[in-house]
């Protein structure tokens, strides 16, 4: 995992918490979504993610379908728990 990506995600979450004061569940959801982004990006800096294949949406679809045994839809992001691992 690219260390700078991890730092950027954590800075964003700190900013969000400091400035927006979100509900703890909202912050947890953001953390889960951004963890998925970190896994997908892997060692690729965020500035170069346009080169990653498959794209992020395809990655989410594949990961979701394997875990939940049903097709992915954006509405399922908030309903289902993701990911299994916590990195952030």
C-alpha atoms as a PDB file:
ATOM      1  CA  UNK A   1       0.000   0.000   0.000  1.00  0.00           C
ATOM      2  CA  UNK A   2       1.310   3.428  -0.929  1.00  0.00           C
ATOM      3  CA  UNK A   3       2.202   5.247   2.281  1.00  0.00           C
ATOM      4  CA  UNK A   4       1.335   8.677   0.869  1.00  0.00           C
ATOM      5  CA  UNK A   5      -2.157   7.456  -0.036  1.00  0.00           C
ATOM      6  CA  UNK A   6      -2.608   6.240   3.533  1.00  0.00           C
ATOM      7  CA  UNK A   7      -1.435   9.617   4.872  1.00  0.00           C
ATOM      8  CA  UNK A   8      -3.816  11.495   2.551  1.00  0.00           C
ATOM      9  CA  UNK A   9      -6.774   9.370   3.625  1.00  0.00           C
ATOM     10  CA  UNK A  10      -6.004   9.878   7.304  1.00  0.00           C
ATOM     11  CA  UNK A  11      -5.530  13.622   6.840  1.00  0.00           C
ATOM     12  CA  UNK A  12      -8.896  13.797   5.092  1.00  0.00           C
ATOM     13  CA  UNK A  13     -10.602  11.849   7.881  1.00  0.00           C
ATOM     14  CA  UNK A  14      -9.007  14.104  10.511  1.00  0.00           C
ATOM     15  CA  UNK A  15     -10.158  17.173   8.579  1.00  0.00           C
ATOM     16  CA  UNK A  16     -13.654  15.768   8.253  1.00  0.00           C
ATOM     17  CA  UNK A  17     -13.851  15.079  11.961  1.00  0.00           C
ATOM     18  CA  UNK A  18     -12.376  18.455  12.936  1.00  0.00           C
ATOM     19  CA  UNK A  19     -14.367  20.656  10.546  1.00  0.00           C
ATOM     20  CA  UNK A  20     -17.611  18.825   9.806  1.00  0.00           C
ATOM     21  CA  UNK A  21     -18.098  16.980  13.115  1.00  0.00           C
ATOM     22  CA  UNK A  22     -19.870  14.035  11.487  1.00  0.00           C
ATOM     23  CA  UNK A  23     -21.820  11.402  13.341  1.00  0.00           C
ATOM     24  CA  UNK A  24     -19.464   8.570  14.397  1.00  0.00           C
ATOM     25  CA  UNK A  25     -21.316   6.165  12.087  1.00  0.00           C
ATOM     26  CA  UNK A  26     -20.765   8.512   9.150  1.00  0.00           C
ATOM     27  CA  UNK A  27     -17.063   8.760   9.915  1.00  0.00           C
ATOM     28  CA  UNK A  28     -16.852   4.975  10.194  1.00  0.00           C
ATOM     29  CA  UNK A  29     -18.576   4.591   6.823  1.00  0.00           C
ATOM     30  CA  UNK A  30     -16.155   7.032   5.194  1.00  0.00           C
ATOM     31  CA  UNK A  31     -13.271   5.082   6.724  1.00  0.00           C
ATOM     32  CA  UNK A  32     -14.615   1.833   5.255  1.00  0.00           C
ATOM     33  CA  UNK A  33     -15.066   3.335   1.798  1.00  0.00           C
ATOM     34  CA  UNK A  34     -11.614   4.885   1.808  1.00  0.00           C
ATOM     35  CA  UNK A  35     -10.076   1.630   2.989  1.00  0.00           C
ATOM     36  CA  UNK A  36     -11.531  -0.006  -0.115  1.00  0.00           C
ATOM     37  CA  UNK A  37      -9.947   2.737  -2.203  1.00  0.00           C
ATOM     38  CA  UNK A  38      -6.587   2.091  -0.523  1.00  0.00           C
ATOM     39  CA  UNK A  39      -6.814  -1.655  -1.213  1.00  0.00           C
ATOM     40  CA  UNK A  40      -7.701  -1.038  -4.838  1.00  0.00           C
ATOM     41  CA  UNK A  41      -4.900   1.488  -5.364  1.00  0.00           C
ATOM     42  CA  UNK A  42      -2.356  -0.786  -3.698  1.00  0.00           C
ATOM     43  CA  UNK A  43       1.158   0.535  -4.343  1.00  0.00           C
ATOM     44  CA  UNK A  44      -0.056   3.022  -6.964  1.00  0.00           C
ATOM     45  CA  UNK A  45      -0.086   6.673  -5.867  1.00  0.00           C
ATOM     46  CA  UNK A  46      -3.503   8.311  -6.099  1.00  0.00           C
ATOM     47  CA  UNK A  47      -2.065  10.639  -8.752  1.00  0.00           C
ATOM     48  CA  UNK A  48      -1.639   7.630 -11.059  1.00  0.00           C
ATOM     49  CA  UNK A  49      -4.727   5.516 -10.345  1.00  0.00           C
ATOM     50  CA  UNK A  50      -6.177   6.201 -13.800  1.00  0.00           C
ATOM     51  CA  UNK A  51      -3.699   3.552 -15.005  1.00  0.00           C
ATOM     52  CA  UNK A  52      -5.079   0.763 -12.784  1.00  0.00           C
ATOM     53  CA  UNK A  53      -7.084  -1.993 -14.442  1.00  0.00           C
ATOM     54  CA  UNK A  54      -9.717  -2.989 -13.527  1.00  0.00           C
ATOM     55  CA  UNK A  55     -11.114   0.390 -12.538  1.00  0.00           C
ATOM     56  CA  UNK A  56     -12.389   1.127  -9.062  1.00  0.00           C
ATOM     57  CA  UNK A  57     -16.047   0.440  -9.855  1.00  0.00           C
ATOM     58  CA  UNK A  58     -15.178  -2.950 -11.378  1.00  0.00           C
ATOM     59  CA  UNK A  59     -13.091  -3.718  -8.286  1.00  0.00           C
ATOM     60  CA  UNK A  60     -16.036  -2.872  -6.023  1.00  0.00           C
ATOM     61  CA  UNK A  61     -18.440  -4.952  -8.100  1.00  0.00           C
ATOM     62  CA  UNK A  62     -16.148  -7.980  -8.018  1.00  0.00           C
ATOM     63  CA  UNK A  63     -15.350  -7.723  -4.316  1.00  0.00           C
ATOM     64  CA  UNK A  64     -18.969  -7.127  -3.348  1.00  0.00           C
ATOM     65  CA  UNK A  65     -20.368  -9.958  -5.453  1.00  0.00           C
ATOM     66  CA  UNK A  66     -17.844 -12.445  -4.025  1.00  0.00           C
ATOM     67  CA  UNK A  67     -18.583 -11.425  -0.441  1.00  0.00           C
ATOM     68  CA  UNK A  68     -22.367 -11.081  -0.604  1.00  0.00           C
ATOM     69  CA  UNK A  69     -23.354 -13.569  -3.288  1.00  0.00           C
ATOM     70  CA  UNK A  70     -25.474 -10.974  -5.069  1.00  0.00           C
ATOM     71  CA  UNK A  71     -24.916  -8.214  -7.621  1.00  0.00           C
ATOM     72  CA  UNK A  72     -23.405  -4.920  -6.559  1.00  0.00           C
ATOM     73  CA  UNK A  73     -25.344  -1.678  -6.643  1.00  0.00           C
ATOM     74  CA  UNK A  74     -24.211   1.687  -5.241  1.00  0.00           C
ATOM     75  CA  UNK A  75     -27.093   1.628  -2.770  1.00  0.00           C
ATOM     76  CA  UNK A  76     -25.574  -1.449  -1.148  1.00  0.00           C
ATOM     77  CA  UNK A  77     -22.489   0.489  -0.059  1.00  0.00           C
ATOM     78  CA  UNK A  78     -24.298   1.944   2.928  1.00  0.00           C
ATOM     79  CA  UNK A  79     -26.325  -1.168   3.733  1.00  0.00           C
ATOM     80  CA  UNK A  80     -23.620  -3.813   3.850  1.00  0.00           C
ATOM     81  CA  UNK A  81     -20.496  -3.891   5.948  1.00  0.00           C
ATOM     82  CA  UNK A  82     -17.203  -3.534   4.129  1.00  0.00           C
ATOM     83  CA  UNK A  83     -14.384  -4.321   4.152  1.00  0.00           C
ATOM     84  CA  UNK A  84     -13.416  -7.283   6.300  1.00  0.00           C
ATOM     85  CA  UNK A  85     -10.024  -5.737   7.048  1.00  0.00           C
ATOM     86  CA  UNK A  86      -9.444  -2.392   8.710  1.00  0.00           C
ATOM     87  CA  UNK A  87      -6.374  -0.560   7.483  1.00  0.00           C
ATOM     88  CA  UNK A  88      -7.104   3.075   8.144  1.00  0.00           C
END
